[in-house]
Amino acid sequence: MEHTYNIGVDVGGSHVSCAFVNKTTGKIVENSFVERKIDSNGSVQEFTESMRLLFGQLFSVANQYSFDAVGVAMPGPFDYENGISKIQGVQKFDALYDVNLKEIFKDVLNGYDVPVCFANDASCYALGEYYGGAAQNSKRTIVLTLGTGLGSTFLINGSQSIEGTGVPPDGYLYNVPFGKSIADDYFSTRWFVNTFKERFRLDISGARETAALAQKDEWQALAVFDEFADNLTEMIYPWVTKFQPDTFVIGGNIAKCHPFFLNKLEEKLAKREVHNLKIKTCELWADAPIVGAAMSM
């Protein structure tokens, strides 16, 4: 069987990474993953040079593959069709506001006349899990990414759904009303930081440190994870009921703390008569947006 390849790129707030992805299998080509640190507060010229160096690394370690396209996972707000950044006032990538990144990537890829397309990073994460991870063979899928913020994607047979029964506008859950504010305030790193400070007058860095304390049976950390499981149940239950997914995948850095809340989430949903729902953590982790970006072409 002849295999074809795309390049997937993930642009994050502190790093950029890319790899060749086998379009037949949805897998990253072995030894083709490369990564560089990036200053998200840098200039357009610095961003361009980082991309140039990134692709230089990629082609130096895996130059034997031809590729059909480049897919880029990019945080929003962003004009994905035209490749123009609309990120502004969030202390990252401000210098790229209104800049045509499609032209930058084509310049960096000088000599390779291939399409360059952009997609939302959370959506790429979900598509990566669909093609090569925990959501394979799923017909209806909800994927949450829990980290510095809350990302969400609703998939129907591997295609993103941004409207319809059980789907919030644009598939976004971060801005739905929850608790005293919105969901993003409850399912992100800052919730762990703020909760510890408000309840116990303790300073922690986030979910990972909470998990380290829970590992030692510290009651404060265990209580915080119980509350997190309660909140996640309350938030996701209406959408599970309306969208009727067969698979629910949780990714992002907070998902790495799953031993302290995933079973509780399953139990709480089961008590609400949610059955036959596969609840999983992601399998590809940082590789997911690269795979998704490459396979979305």
Protein backbone atom coordinates (compact mmCIF):
# COMPACT_ATOMS: atom_id res chain seq x y z
CA MET A 1 0.00 0.00 0.00
CA GLU A 2 1.33 3.41 -0.97
CA HIS A 3 1.17 5.87 1.90
CA THR A 4 0.66 9.62 1.62
CA TYR A 5 1.60 12.23 4.21
CA ASN A 6 0.70 15.66 5.51
CA ILE A 7 2.59 17.81 7.97
CA GLY A 8 0.75 18.74 11.16
CA VAL A 9 1.80 21.80 13.16
CA ASP A 10 0.71 22.76 16.68
CA VAL A 11 1.20 26.40 17.69
CA GLY A 12 1.03 26.69 21.47
CA GLY A 13 1.62 29.54 23.88
CA SER A 14 5.09 28.36 24.87
CA HIS A 15 6.10 25.96 22.10
CA VAL A 16 5.59 25.01 18.48
CA SER A 17 5.82 21.43 17.27
CA CYS A 18 5.25 19.50 14.07
CA ALA A 19 5.59 16.08 12.48
CA PHE A 20 4.80 14.07 9.39
CA VAL A 21 1.48 12.27 9.71
CA ASN A 22 0.52 9.17 7.72
CA LYS A 23 -2.84 10.00 6.14
CA THR A 24 -3.72 6.32 5.83
CA THR A 25 -3.20 5.38 9.48
CA GLY A 26 -3.60 8.72 11.26
CA LYS A 27 -0.29 8.13 13.04
CA ILE A 28 2.74 10.35 13.46
CA VAL A 29 5.67 9.03 11.45
CA GLU A 30 8.25 7.59 13.81
CA ASN A 31 11.12 9.93 14.70
CA SER A 32 9.62 12.85 12.77
CA PHE A 33 8.32 14.83 15.78
CA VAL A 34 10.22 18.07 16.44
CA GLU A 35 9.55 20.90 18.88
CA ARG A 36 10.86 24.35 19.70
CA LYS A 37 10.23 26.82 22.48
CA ILE A 38 8.63 30.05 21.37
CA ASP A 39 8.13 33.49 22.89
CA SER A 40 4.42 34.18 22.35
CA ASN A 41 5.09 37.86 23.16
CA GLY A 42 7.72 38.12 20.44
CA SER A 43 7.57 40.03 17.16
CA VAL A 44 6.27 38.83 13.80
CA GLN A 45 9.87 38.41 12.68
CA GLU A 46 10.66 36.24 15.70
CA PHE A 47 7.59 34.07 15.04
CA THR A 48 8.59 33.68 11.40
CA GLU A 49 12.14 32.70 12.34
CA SER A 50 10.82 30.14 14.87
CA MET A 51 8.73 28.55 12.11
CA ARG A 52 11.69 28.55 9.75
CA LEU A 53 13.87 26.82 12.33
CA LEU A 54 11.08 24.35 13.18
CA PHE A 55 10.68 23.21 9.59
CA GLY A 56 14.43 23.13 9.21
CA GLN A 57 14.56 20.68 12.12
CA LEU A 58 11.77 18.58 10.64
CA PHE A 59 13.37 18.28 7.21
CA SER A 60 16.74 17.47 8.75
CA VAL A 61 15.37 14.48 10.68
CA ALA A 62 12.80 13.28 8.12
CA ASN A 63 13.56 14.49 4.62
CA GLN A 64 12.59 11.29 2.82
CA TYR A 65 8.85 11.96 2.84
CA SER A 66 6.90 13.92 0.26
CA PHE A 67 3.80 15.65 1.61
CA ASP A 68 0.57 16.97 0.17
CA ALA A 69 -0.35 19.74 2.59
CA VAL A 70 0.41 21.47 5.89
CA GLY A 71 -2.27 21.71 8.57
CA VAL A 72 -1.80 24.16 11.45
CA ALA A 73 -3.56 23.93 14.83
CA MET A 74 -3.92 27.49 16.06
CA PRO A 75 -5.66 29.00 19.10
CA GLY A 76 -8.46 31.47 18.50
CA PRO A 77 -9.83 33.91 17.84
CA PHE A 78 -8.57 33.36 14.32
CA ASP A 79 -9.83 33.68 10.75
CA TYR A 80 -9.14 30.05 9.92
CA GLU A 81 -10.30 30.22 6.32
CA ASN A 82 -7.95 33.05 5.39
CA GLY A 83 -5.19 32.32 7.91
CA ILE A 84 -5.36 35.68 9.69
CA SER A 85 -4.82 35.96 13.44
CA LYS A 86 -7.42 37.82 15.49
CA ILE A 87 -5.76 37.17 18.85
CA GLN A 88 -5.56 40.37 20.85
CA GLY A 89 -5.26 41.39 24.48
CA VAL A 90 -4.62 37.93 25.95
CA GLN A 91 -0.89 38.33 26.59
CA LYS A 92 0.13 36.05 23.75
CA PHE A 93 0.61 36.51 20.02
CA ASP A 94 -0.51 40.15 20.15
CA ALA A 95 2.09 40.98 17.50
CA LEU A 96 0.35 38.61 15.08
CA TYR A 97 -2.98 40.46 15.20
CA ASP A 98 -4.32 40.90 11.65
CA VAL A 99 -1.22 39.22 10.23
CA ASN A 100 -1.70 36.73 7.39
CA LEU A 101 0.01 33.61 8.75
CA LYS A 102 -0.76 31.67 5.60
CA GLU A 103 1.69 33.90 3.76
CA ILE A 104 4.28 33.44 6.53
CA PHE A 105 4.04 29.66 6.33
CA LYS A 106 4.25 29.70 2.53
CA ASP A 107 7.35 31.88 2.78
CA VAL A 108 8.89 29.50 5.35
CA LEU A 109 8.03 26.56 3.09
CA ASN A 110 9.77 28.17 0.14
CA GLY A 111 10.23 25.49 -2.50
CA TYR A 112 7.21 23.44 -1.39
CA ASP A 113 4.11 24.49 -3.26
CA VAL A 114 1.46 22.85 -1.08
CA PRO A 115 -1.76 24.08 0.54
CA VAL A 116 -1.51 25.49 4.07
CA CYS A 117 -4.69 25.34 6.12
CA PHE A 118 -5.56 26.39 9.67
CA ALA A 119 -7.94 24.94 12.25
CA ASN A 120 -8.83 25.57 15.88
CA ASP A 121 -6.40 23.88 18.26
CA ALA A 122 -9.13 22.29 20.44
CA SER A 123 -10.86 20.95 17.31
CA CYS A 124 -7.56 19.52 16.07
CA TYR A 125 -7.04 17.87 19.45
CA ALA A 126 -10.43 16.16 19.10
CA LEU A 127 -9.82 15.11 15.50
CA GLY A 128 -6.45 13.67 16.48
CA GLU A 129 -8.12 11.50 19.10
CA TYR A 130 -10.76 10.48 16.56
CA TYR A 131 -8.27 9.42 13.89
CA GLY A 132 -5.58 7.91 16.07
CA GLY A 133 -6.57 7.91 19.73
CA ALA A 134 -9.33 7.38 22.27
CA ALA A 135 -12.24 8.38 20.02
CA GLN A 136 -11.56 5.94 17.18
CA ASN A 137 -14.75 4.35 15.79
CA SER A 138 -16.93 6.76 17.75
CA LYS A 139 -20.06 8.00 16.00
CA ARG A 140 -20.90 10.84 18.39
CA THR A 141 -18.12 12.28 20.51
CA ILE A 142 -17.56 15.06 23.02
CA VAL A 143 -13.93 15.98 23.63
CA LEU A 144 -12.91 18.37 26.42
CA THR A 145 -9.43 19.81 26.86
CA LEU A 146 -8.80 20.97 30.41
CA GLY A 147 -5.77 23.16 31.00
CA THR A 148 -5.20 26.90 31.07
CA GLY A 149 -8.74 27.10 29.75
CA LEU A 150 -11.63 24.86 28.70
CA GLY A 151 -11.73 23.61 25.12
CA SER A 152 -14.61 21.60 23.69
CA THR A 153 -15.44 19.85 20.45
CA PHE A 154 -18.52 17.91 19.35
CA LEU A 155 -17.94 15.34 16.61
CA ILE A 156 -20.44 13.41 14.51
CA ASN A 157 -18.73 10.62 12.58
CA GLY A 158 -15.45 12.50 12.85
CA SER A 159 -16.79 15.81 11.58
CA GLN A 160 -16.98 18.79 13.87
CA SER A 161 -20.49 19.95 14.70
CA ILE A 162 -20.96 23.61 15.66
CA GLU A 163 -24.75 23.66 15.79
CA GLY A 164 -27.74 21.39 16.18
CA THR A 165 -29.35 19.41 18.97
CA GLY A 166 -27.18 19.26 22.04
CA VAL A 167 -24.40 21.40 20.57
CA PRO A 168 -23.67 24.86 22.02
CA PRO A 169 -23.03 27.72 19.55
CA ASP A 170 -19.80 27.00 17.67
CA GLY A 171 -19.33 23.96 19.92
CA TYR A 172 -17.97 26.19 22.70
CA LEU A 173 -18.59 25.26 26.33
CA TYR A 174 -16.04 27.63 27.87
CA ASN A 175 -18.50 30.53 27.84
CA VAL A 176 -21.69 28.76 28.96
CA PRO A 177 -23.05 30.05 32.28
CA PHE A 178 -21.92 27.90 35.19
CA GLY A 179 -21.80 28.47 38.91
CA LYS A 180 -21.24 32.14 39.62
CA SER A 181 -19.70 32.89 36.22
CA ILE A 182 -18.85 30.71 33.20
CA ALA A 183 -17.51 27.19 32.72
CA ASP A 184 -13.99 28.34 31.84
CA ASP A 185 -13.55 29.63 35.39
CA TYR A 186 -14.30 26.18 36.85
CA PHE A 187 -12.48 23.81 34.49
CA SER A 188 -9.05 25.38 34.20
CA THR A 189 -5.80 25.60 36.12
CA ARG A 190 -6.83 28.85 37.79
CA TRP A 191 -9.80 27.15 39.46
CA PHE A 192 -7.44 24.90 41.41
CA VAL A 193 -5.24 27.87 42.30
CA ASN A 194 -8.17 30.06 43.38
CA THR A 195 -9.97 27.30 45.26
CA PHE A 196 -6.95 26.44 47.38
CA LYS A 197 -6.34 30.11 48.15
CA GLU A 198 -9.98 30.87 49.01
CA ARG A 199 -10.75 27.70 50.99
CA PHE A 200 -7.48 26.89 52.68
CA ARG A 201 -5.30 30.01 52.27
CA LEU A 202 -2.72 27.88 50.51
CA ASP A 203 -0.75 28.78 47.38
CA ILE A 204 -0.44 26.05 44.75
CA SER A 205 0.49 26.09 41.08
CA GLY A 206 -2.45 24.08 39.73
CA ALA A 207 -3.91 20.62 39.21
CA ARG A 208 -0.58 18.81 39.07
CA GLU A 209 0.44 20.05 42.52
CA THR A 210 -3.05 19.21 43.78
CA ALA A 211 -2.56 15.65 42.49
CA ALA A 212 0.81 15.41 44.25
CA LEU A 213 -0.89 16.35 47.52
CA ALA A 214 -3.76 13.94 46.87
CA GLN A 215 -1.22 11.19 46.33
CA LYS A 216 -0.18 11.78 49.94
CA ASP A 217 -3.84 11.62 51.06
CA GLU A 218 -3.90 15.30 51.96
CA TRP A 219 -7.56 15.91 52.73
CA GLN A 220 -7.66 19.38 51.18
CA ALA A 221 -6.52 18.06 47.80
CA LEU A 222 -8.92 15.12 47.91
CA ALA A 223 -11.77 17.49 48.74
CA VAL A 224 -10.86 19.77 45.85
CA PHE A 225 -10.88 16.87 43.37
CA ASP A 226 -14.26 15.71 44.74
CA GLU A 227 -15.63 19.18 44.11
CA PHE A 228 -14.06 19.23 40.66
CA ALA A 229 -15.81 15.92 39.83
CA ASP A 230 -19.11 17.34 41.12
CA ASN A 231 -18.72 20.45 38.99
CA LEU A 232 -17.74 18.49 35.88
CA THR A 233 -20.77 16.24 36.31
CA GLU A 234 -23.09 19.23 36.67
CA MET A 235 -21.62 20.99 33.66
CA ILE A 236 -21.45 18.11 31.19
CA TYR A 237 -24.65 16.24 32.12
CA PRO A 238 -27.09 18.44 30.15
CA TRP A 239 -24.94 18.22 27.03
CA VAL A 240 -24.52 14.46 27.34
CA THR A 241 -28.29 14.15 27.71
CA LYS A 242 -29.05 16.28 24.66
CA PHE A 243 -26.18 15.32 22.34
CA GLN A 244 -26.23 11.61 23.26
CA PRO A 245 -22.55 10.85 22.65
CA ASP A 246 -21.22 7.30 22.74
CA THR A 247 -17.74 8.52 23.76
CA PHE A 248 -16.59 11.29 26.09
CA VAL A 249 -12.85 12.04 25.97
CA ILE A 250 -11.00 14.27 28.43
CA GLY A 251 -7.59 15.67 27.54
CA GLY A 252 -5.27 18.49 28.52
CA ASN A 253 -2.93 18.78 31.49
CA ILE A 254 -5.71 18.47 34.07
CA ALA A 255 -6.72 15.13 32.54
CA LYS A 256 -3.32 13.78 33.61
CA CYS A 257 -4.72 13.95 37.16
CA HIS A 258 -7.58 11.61 36.20
CA PRO A 259 -6.93 9.00 38.95
CA PHE A 260 -8.35 11.53 41.42
CA PHE A 261 -11.59 12.45 39.64
CA LEU A 262 -12.45 10.21 36.67
CA ASN A 263 -14.01 7.33 38.64
CA LYS A 264 -16.05 9.82 40.65
CA LEU A 265 -17.26 11.41 37.43
CA GLU A 266 -18.32 8.01 36.08
CA GLU A 267 -20.14 7.16 39.33
CA LYS A 268 -21.95 10.49 39.46
CA LEU A 269 -23.09 10.25 35.84
CA ALA A 270 -24.23 6.65 36.37
CA LYS A 271 -26.39 7.82 39.28
CA ARG A 272 -28.07 10.13 36.77
CA GLU A 273 -28.85 7.18 34.52
CA VAL A 274 -26.05 7.90 32.04
CA HIS A 275 -25.15 4.45 30.78
CA ASN A 276 -23.32 3.07 27.72
CA LEU A 277 -21.11 6.15 27.58
CA LYS A 278 -17.41 5.43 27.19
CA ILE A 279 -15.55 7.93 29.38
CA LYS A 280 -11.85 8.04 28.58
CA THR A 281 -8.74 10.12 28.90
CA CYS A 282 -7.02 10.95 25.65
CA GLU A 283 -4.36 8.65 24.25
CA LEU A 284 -2.27 10.93 22.07
CA TRP A 285 -1.87 13.84 24.49
CA ALA A 286 0.46 16.45 22.91
CA ASP A 287 0.46 14.55 19.60
CA ALA A 288 -3.31 14.94 19.19
CA PRO A 289 -3.44 18.46 17.68
CA ILE A 290 -0.63 17.61 15.25
CA VAL A 291 -2.50 14.53 14.02
CA GLY A 292 -5.79 16.42 13.90
CA ALA A 293 -4.33 19.33 11.97
CA ALA A 294 -2.75 17.01 9.42
CA MET A 295 -5.86 14.84 9.03
CA SER A 296 -8.27 17.75 8.74
CA MET A 297 -6.96 18.58 5.26
